[in-house]
């Protein structure tokens, strides 16, 4: 059974940083990344890695967030800098491979205090 597990969320002041991790069998996916969902809002793509292509980011996080993959640790990372209150959300990692459904983690809460 494929399982993705996020960690690294928490409470931080405006301007602070957090690093999220997602562990799982990342080698089976050709697309993986992070979404977030804030209360009362739709789920929003944050960052996506597709094979060897350059990462894609939501306009709202460009220049502040960096997605990367640590193959040795089988971990997907999201480095979040210069955090803003509007970044407050549950962050979920996902993985997708052809002819299969998307797999999601359970989510980790990020709260940015103003």
N, C-alpha and C. Protein backbone atom coordinates (compact mmCIF):
# COMPACT_ATOMS: atom_id res chain seq x y z
N UNK A 1 0.84 -1.19 0.00
CA UNK A 1 0.00 0.00 0.00
C UNK A 1 0.88 1.24 0.00
N UNK A 2 0.58 2.16 -0.90
CA UNK A 2 1.35 3.38 -1.00
C UNK A 2 0.91 4.36 0.08
N UNK A 3 1.87 4.87 0.83
CA UNK A 3 1.55 5.81 1.89
C UNK A 3 2.54 6.96 1.86
N UNK A 4 2.00 8.16 1.92
CA UNK A 4 2.82 9.37 1.99
C UNK A 4 2.59 10.02 3.35
N UNK A 5 3.66 10.45 3.98
CA UNK A 5 3.55 11.02 5.32
C UNK A 5 4.29 12.35 5.36
N UNK A 6 3.54 13.41 5.69
CA UNK A 6 4.15 14.74 5.79
C UNK A 6 4.58 15.01 7.22
N UNK A 7 5.55 15.90 7.36
CA UNK A 7 5.97 16.38 8.66
C UNK A 7 6.58 17.76 8.48
N UNK A 8 6.75 18.46 9.60
CA UNK A 8 7.45 19.74 9.56
C UNK A 8 6.57 20.96 9.69
N UNK A 9 5.26 20.78 9.74
CA UNK A 9 4.39 21.93 9.92
C UNK A 9 4.52 22.50 11.32
N UNK A 10 3.86 23.63 11.53
CA UNK A 10 3.90 24.24 12.86
C UNK A 10 3.45 25.68 12.82
N UNK A 11 3.78 26.36 13.90
CA UNK A 11 3.40 27.75 14.11
C UNK A 11 4.64 28.62 13.93
N UNK A 12 4.52 29.69 13.14
CA UNK A 12 5.69 30.54 12.88
C UNK A 12 5.22 31.98 12.74
N UNK A 13 6.11 32.89 13.04
CA UNK A 13 5.80 34.32 12.88
C UNK A 13 5.92 34.73 11.41
N UNK A 14 5.24 35.80 11.04
CA UNK A 14 5.39 36.36 9.70
C UNK A 14 6.87 36.63 9.41
N UNK A 15 7.28 36.21 8.23
CA UNK A 15 8.69 36.37 7.84
C UNK A 15 9.55 35.17 8.18
N UNK A 16 9.02 34.24 8.92
CA UNK A 16 9.78 33.07 9.32
C UNK A 16 9.84 32.01 8.24
N UNK A 17 10.45 30.89 8.60
CA UNK A 17 10.65 29.80 7.66
C UNK A 17 10.22 28.47 8.27
N UNK A 18 9.83 27.57 7.41
CA UNK A 18 9.54 26.19 7.79
C UNK A 18 9.98 25.30 6.64
N UNK A 19 10.32 24.06 6.98
CA UNK A 19 10.62 23.09 5.94
C UNK A 19 9.73 21.88 6.13
N UNK A 20 8.95 21.59 5.13
CA UNK A 20 8.07 20.43 5.16
C UNK A 20 8.75 19.25 4.48
N UNK A 21 8.46 18.07 4.99
CA UNK A 21 8.99 16.84 4.40
C UNK A 21 7.84 15.90 4.10
N UNK A 22 8.00 15.13 3.05
CA UNK A 22 7.04 14.10 2.68
C UNK A 22 7.83 12.84 2.38
N UNK A 23 7.57 11.81 3.15
CA UNK A 23 8.30 10.56 2.95
C UNK A 23 7.37 9.51 2.37
N UNK A 24 7.95 8.63 1.57
CA UNK A 24 7.17 7.58 0.93
C UNK A 24 7.93 7.01 -0.24
N UNK A 25 7.32 6.10 -0.97
CA UNK A 25 7.98 5.46 -2.11
C UNK A 25 8.00 6.37 -3.33
N UNK A 26 8.73 7.47 -3.22
CA UNK A 26 8.67 8.51 -4.25
C UNK A 26 9.14 8.02 -5.61
N UNK A 27 9.96 6.99 -5.63
CA UNK A 27 10.50 6.50 -6.90
C UNK A 27 9.46 5.98 -7.87
N UNK A 28 8.25 5.72 -7.38
CA UNK A 28 7.22 5.17 -8.28
C UNK A 28 6.45 6.28 -9.00
N UNK A 29 6.65 7.53 -8.59
CA UNK A 29 5.89 8.63 -9.15
C UNK A 29 6.69 9.38 -10.21
N UNK A 30 6.01 9.86 -11.25
CA UNK A 30 6.68 10.77 -12.17
C UNK A 30 6.22 12.21 -11.98
N UNK A 31 5.19 12.39 -11.20
CA UNK A 31 4.75 13.74 -10.83
C UNK A 31 4.52 13.73 -9.32
N UNK A 32 5.05 14.71 -8.64
CA UNK A 32 4.81 14.84 -7.20
C UNK A 32 4.89 16.30 -6.83
N UNK A 33 4.33 16.60 -5.69
CA UNK A 33 4.36 18.01 -5.31
C UNK A 33 3.56 18.26 -4.05
N UNK A 34 3.21 19.54 -3.89
CA UNK A 34 2.50 20.00 -2.70
C UNK A 34 1.29 20.83 -3.09
N UNK A 35 0.19 20.59 -2.39
CA UNK A 35 -0.99 21.42 -2.44
C UNK A 35 -1.21 21.98 -1.04
N UNK A 36 -2.07 22.97 -0.96
CA UNK A 36 -2.50 23.45 0.36
C UNK A 36 -3.98 23.77 0.33
N UNK A 37 -4.58 23.71 1.50
CA UNK A 37 -5.99 24.03 1.62
C UNK A 37 -6.22 24.82 2.88
N UNK A 38 -6.73 26.02 2.71
CA UNK A 38 -7.06 26.88 3.83
C UNK A 38 -8.56 26.76 4.09
N UNK A 39 -9.00 27.04 5.32
CA UNK A 39 -10.43 26.94 5.65
C UNK A 39 -11.28 27.78 4.71
N UNK A 40 -12.32 27.17 4.14
CA UNK A 40 -13.23 27.89 3.28
C UNK A 40 -12.71 28.16 1.88
N UNK A 41 -11.54 27.63 1.56
CA UNK A 41 -10.95 27.87 0.23
C UNK A 41 -10.72 26.55 -0.49
N UNK A 42 -10.60 26.65 -1.81
CA UNK A 42 -10.31 25.46 -2.60
C UNK A 42 -8.86 25.04 -2.42
N UNK A 43 -8.64 23.75 -2.65
CA UNK A 43 -7.28 23.24 -2.62
C UNK A 43 -6.47 23.91 -3.72
N UNK A 44 -5.26 24.33 -3.39
CA UNK A 44 -4.45 25.13 -4.30
C UNK A 44 -3.11 24.45 -4.53
N UNK A 45 -2.69 24.37 -5.79
CA UNK A 45 -1.36 23.84 -6.09
C UNK A 45 -0.31 24.81 -5.57
N UNK A 46 0.69 24.29 -4.89
CA UNK A 46 1.77 25.12 -4.37
C UNK A 46 3.03 24.92 -5.22
N UNK A 47 3.43 23.66 -5.40
CA UNK A 47 4.65 23.36 -6.14
C UNK A 47 4.55 21.96 -6.73
N UNK A 48 5.08 21.80 -7.94
CA UNK A 48 5.00 20.51 -8.62
C UNK A 48 6.34 20.17 -9.25
N UNK A 49 6.73 18.92 -9.10
CA UNK A 49 7.90 18.38 -9.78
C UNK A 49 7.42 17.34 -10.78
N UNK A 50 7.78 17.53 -12.06
CA UNK A 50 7.40 16.57 -13.09
C UNK A 50 8.68 16.07 -13.74
N UNK A 51 9.05 14.85 -13.42
CA UNK A 51 10.24 14.25 -14.00
C UNK A 51 11.43 15.18 -13.86
N UNK A 52 12.18 15.34 -14.98
CA UNK A 52 13.38 16.18 -14.93
C UNK A 52 13.10 17.66 -15.19
N UNK A 53 11.84 18.03 -15.39
CA UNK A 53 11.52 19.42 -15.70
C UNK A 53 11.79 20.33 -14.52
N UNK A 54 11.90 21.60 -14.80
CA UNK A 54 12.04 22.59 -13.74
C UNK A 54 10.75 22.61 -12.91
N UNK A 55 10.86 22.84 -11.62
CA UNK A 55 9.67 22.87 -10.76
C UNK A 55 8.70 23.98 -11.19
N UNK A 56 7.44 23.76 -10.93
CA UNK A 56 6.41 24.78 -11.15
C UNK A 56 5.90 25.24 -9.79
N UNK A 57 5.62 26.52 -9.70
CA UNK A 57 5.15 27.10 -8.44
C UNK A 57 3.91 27.96 -8.68
N UNK A 58 3.07 28.03 -7.66
CA UNK A 58 1.99 29.01 -7.68
C UNK A 58 2.61 30.40 -7.66
N UNK A 59 1.98 31.34 -8.34
CA UNK A 59 2.51 32.71 -8.37
C UNK A 59 2.68 33.27 -6.97
N UNK A 60 1.79 32.88 -6.08
CA UNK A 60 1.80 33.44 -4.72
C UNK A 60 3.01 33.00 -3.90
N UNK A 61 3.71 31.95 -4.34
CA UNK A 61 4.85 31.46 -3.54
C UNK A 61 6.17 31.56 -4.28
N UNK A 62 6.14 31.98 -5.53
CA UNK A 62 7.38 32.07 -6.31
C UNK A 62 8.39 32.99 -5.62
N UNK A 63 9.62 32.53 -5.58
CA UNK A 63 10.67 33.31 -4.94
C UNK A 63 10.76 33.11 -3.44
N UNK A 64 9.78 32.45 -2.85
CA UNK A 64 9.78 32.21 -1.40
C UNK A 64 9.86 30.73 -1.06
N UNK A 65 9.23 29.89 -1.88
CA UNK A 65 9.19 28.45 -1.62
C UNK A 65 10.07 27.72 -2.62
N UNK A 66 10.68 26.64 -2.16
CA UNK A 66 11.50 25.80 -3.03
C UNK A 66 11.15 24.34 -2.79
N UNK A 67 10.81 23.64 -3.85
CA UNK A 67 10.52 22.21 -3.75
C UNK A 67 11.73 21.44 -4.25
N UNK A 68 12.04 20.36 -3.57
CA UNK A 68 13.17 19.54 -3.98
C UNK A 68 12.94 18.11 -3.53
N UNK A 69 13.76 17.25 -4.07
CA UNK A 69 13.63 15.84 -3.76
C UNK A 69 14.97 15.32 -3.28
N UNK A 70 14.95 14.65 -2.16
CA UNK A 70 16.15 14.04 -1.61
C UNK A 70 16.04 12.54 -1.88
N UNK A 71 16.69 12.10 -2.94
CA UNK A 71 16.55 10.69 -3.34
C UNK A 71 17.16 9.75 -2.31
N UNK A 72 18.21 10.19 -1.65
CA UNK A 72 18.85 9.31 -0.67
C UNK A 72 17.95 9.02 0.51
N UNK A 73 17.12 10.00 0.84
CA UNK A 73 16.20 9.84 1.96
C UNK A 73 14.80 9.48 1.50
N UNK A 74 14.59 9.41 0.17
CA UNK A 74 13.26 9.14 -0.37
C UNK A 74 12.25 10.14 0.19
N UNK A 75 12.62 11.41 0.12
CA UNK A 75 11.84 12.47 0.74
C UNK A 75 11.63 13.61 -0.23
N UNK A 76 10.42 14.16 -0.21
CA UNK A 76 10.09 15.37 -0.95
C UNK A 76 10.07 16.52 0.04
N UNK A 77 10.77 17.60 -0.28
CA UNK A 77 10.91 18.71 0.64
C UNK A 77 10.24 19.96 0.09
N UNK A 78 9.75 20.80 0.99
CA UNK A 78 9.25 22.12 0.62
C UNK A 78 9.84 23.11 1.61
N UNK A 79 10.80 23.88 1.15
CA UNK A 79 11.37 24.93 1.97
C UNK A 79 10.55 26.19 1.78
N UNK A 80 10.03 26.71 2.88
CA UNK A 80 9.15 27.88 2.83
C UNK A 80 9.81 29.01 3.61
N UNK A 81 10.13 30.07 2.91
CA UNK A 81 10.75 31.25 3.52
C UNK A 81 9.82 32.45 3.40
N UNK A 82 10.12 33.48 4.17
CA UNK A 82 9.34 34.72 4.13
C UNK A 82 7.85 34.44 4.22
N UNK A 83 7.48 33.63 5.18
CA UNK A 83 6.09 33.21 5.30
C UNK A 83 5.17 34.37 5.66
N UNK A 84 3.96 34.27 5.12
CA UNK A 84 2.94 35.31 5.32
C UNK A 84 1.71 34.68 5.96
N UNK A 85 0.88 35.47 6.62
CA UNK A 85 -0.35 34.90 7.20
C UNK A 85 -1.21 34.19 6.15
N UNK A 86 -1.21 34.65 4.93
CA UNK A 86 -2.02 34.00 3.90
C UNK A 86 -1.46 32.65 3.46
N UNK A 87 -0.30 32.28 3.95
CA UNK A 87 0.23 30.94 3.70
C UNK A 87 -0.34 29.91 4.66
N UNK A 88 -1.09 30.38 5.65
CA UNK A 88 -1.69 29.47 6.63
C UNK A 88 -2.64 28.51 5.94
N UNK A 89 -2.41 27.22 6.13
CA UNK A 89 -3.20 26.18 5.47
C UNK A 89 -2.72 24.81 5.93
N UNK A 90 -3.48 23.81 5.55
CA UNK A 90 -3.00 22.44 5.65
C UNK A 90 -2.26 22.13 4.35
N UNK A 91 -1.04 21.67 4.47
CA UNK A 91 -0.21 21.36 3.30
C UNK A 91 -0.18 19.85 3.10
N UNK A 92 -0.46 19.45 1.87
CA UNK A 92 -0.54 18.03 1.53
C UNK A 92 0.43 17.71 0.40
N UNK A 93 1.15 16.64 0.55
CA UNK A 93 1.99 16.19 -0.57
C UNK A 93 1.21 15.14 -1.36
N UNK A 94 1.58 15.00 -2.61
CA UNK A 94 0.91 14.02 -3.45
C UNK A 94 1.91 13.44 -4.44
N UNK A 95 1.54 12.29 -4.97
CA UNK A 95 2.32 11.67 -6.02
C UNK A 95 1.38 11.06 -7.05
N UNK A 96 1.81 11.08 -8.29
CA UNK A 96 0.97 10.56 -9.37
C UNK A 96 1.84 9.80 -10.36
N UNK A 97 1.31 8.70 -10.85
CA UNK A 97 1.98 7.95 -11.91
C UNK A 97 0.94 7.56 -12.94
N UNK A 98 1.32 7.38 -14.19
CA UNK A 98 0.36 7.05 -15.24
C UNK A 98 -0.44 5.80 -14.93
N UNK A 99 -1.68 5.78 -15.36
CA UNK A 99 -2.60 4.64 -15.24
C UNK A 99 -2.89 4.30 -13.78
N UNK A 100 -2.74 5.27 -12.91
CA UNK A 100 -3.03 5.07 -11.50
C UNK A 100 -3.62 6.35 -10.95
N UNK A 101 -4.16 6.29 -9.78
CA UNK A 101 -4.74 7.48 -9.16
C UNK A 101 -3.63 8.27 -8.47
N UNK A 102 -3.98 9.48 -8.04
CA UNK A 102 -3.06 10.27 -7.24
C UNK A 102 -3.09 9.77 -5.80
N UNK A 103 -1.96 9.82 -5.16
CA UNK A 103 -1.84 9.44 -3.76
C UNK A 103 -1.55 10.68 -2.93
N UNK A 104 -2.20 10.80 -1.79
CA UNK A 104 -2.10 11.99 -0.96
C UNK A 104 -1.63 11.62 0.45
N UNK A 105 -0.88 12.52 1.05
CA UNK A 105 -0.59 12.39 2.46
C UNK A 105 -1.76 12.91 3.27
N UNK A 106 -1.61 12.83 4.60
CA UNK A 106 -2.70 13.22 5.49
C UNK A 106 -2.71 14.72 5.74
N UNK A 107 -1.62 15.40 5.41
CA UNK A 107 -1.55 16.84 5.57
C UNK A 107 -0.84 17.24 6.84
N UNK A 108 -0.23 18.42 6.80
CA UNK A 108 0.41 19.00 7.97
C UNK A 108 0.03 20.48 8.05
N UNK A 109 -0.32 20.92 9.24
CA UNK A 109 -0.82 22.28 9.43
C UNK A 109 0.34 23.28 9.51
N UNK A 110 0.20 24.35 8.74
CA UNK A 110 1.13 25.48 8.81
C UNK A 110 0.32 26.71 9.21
N UNK A 111 0.73 27.35 10.28
CA UNK A 111 0.05 28.55 10.76
C UNK A 111 1.07 29.67 10.88
N UNK A 112 0.79 30.77 10.19
CA UNK A 112 1.68 31.92 10.20
C UNK A 112 0.99 33.05 10.95
N UNK A 113 1.57 33.48 12.03
CA UNK A 113 0.99 34.53 12.87
C UNK A 113 1.43 35.90 12.36
N UNK A 114 0.46 36.82 12.38
CA UNK A 114 0.77 38.19 11.95
C UNK A 114 1.34 38.99 13.10
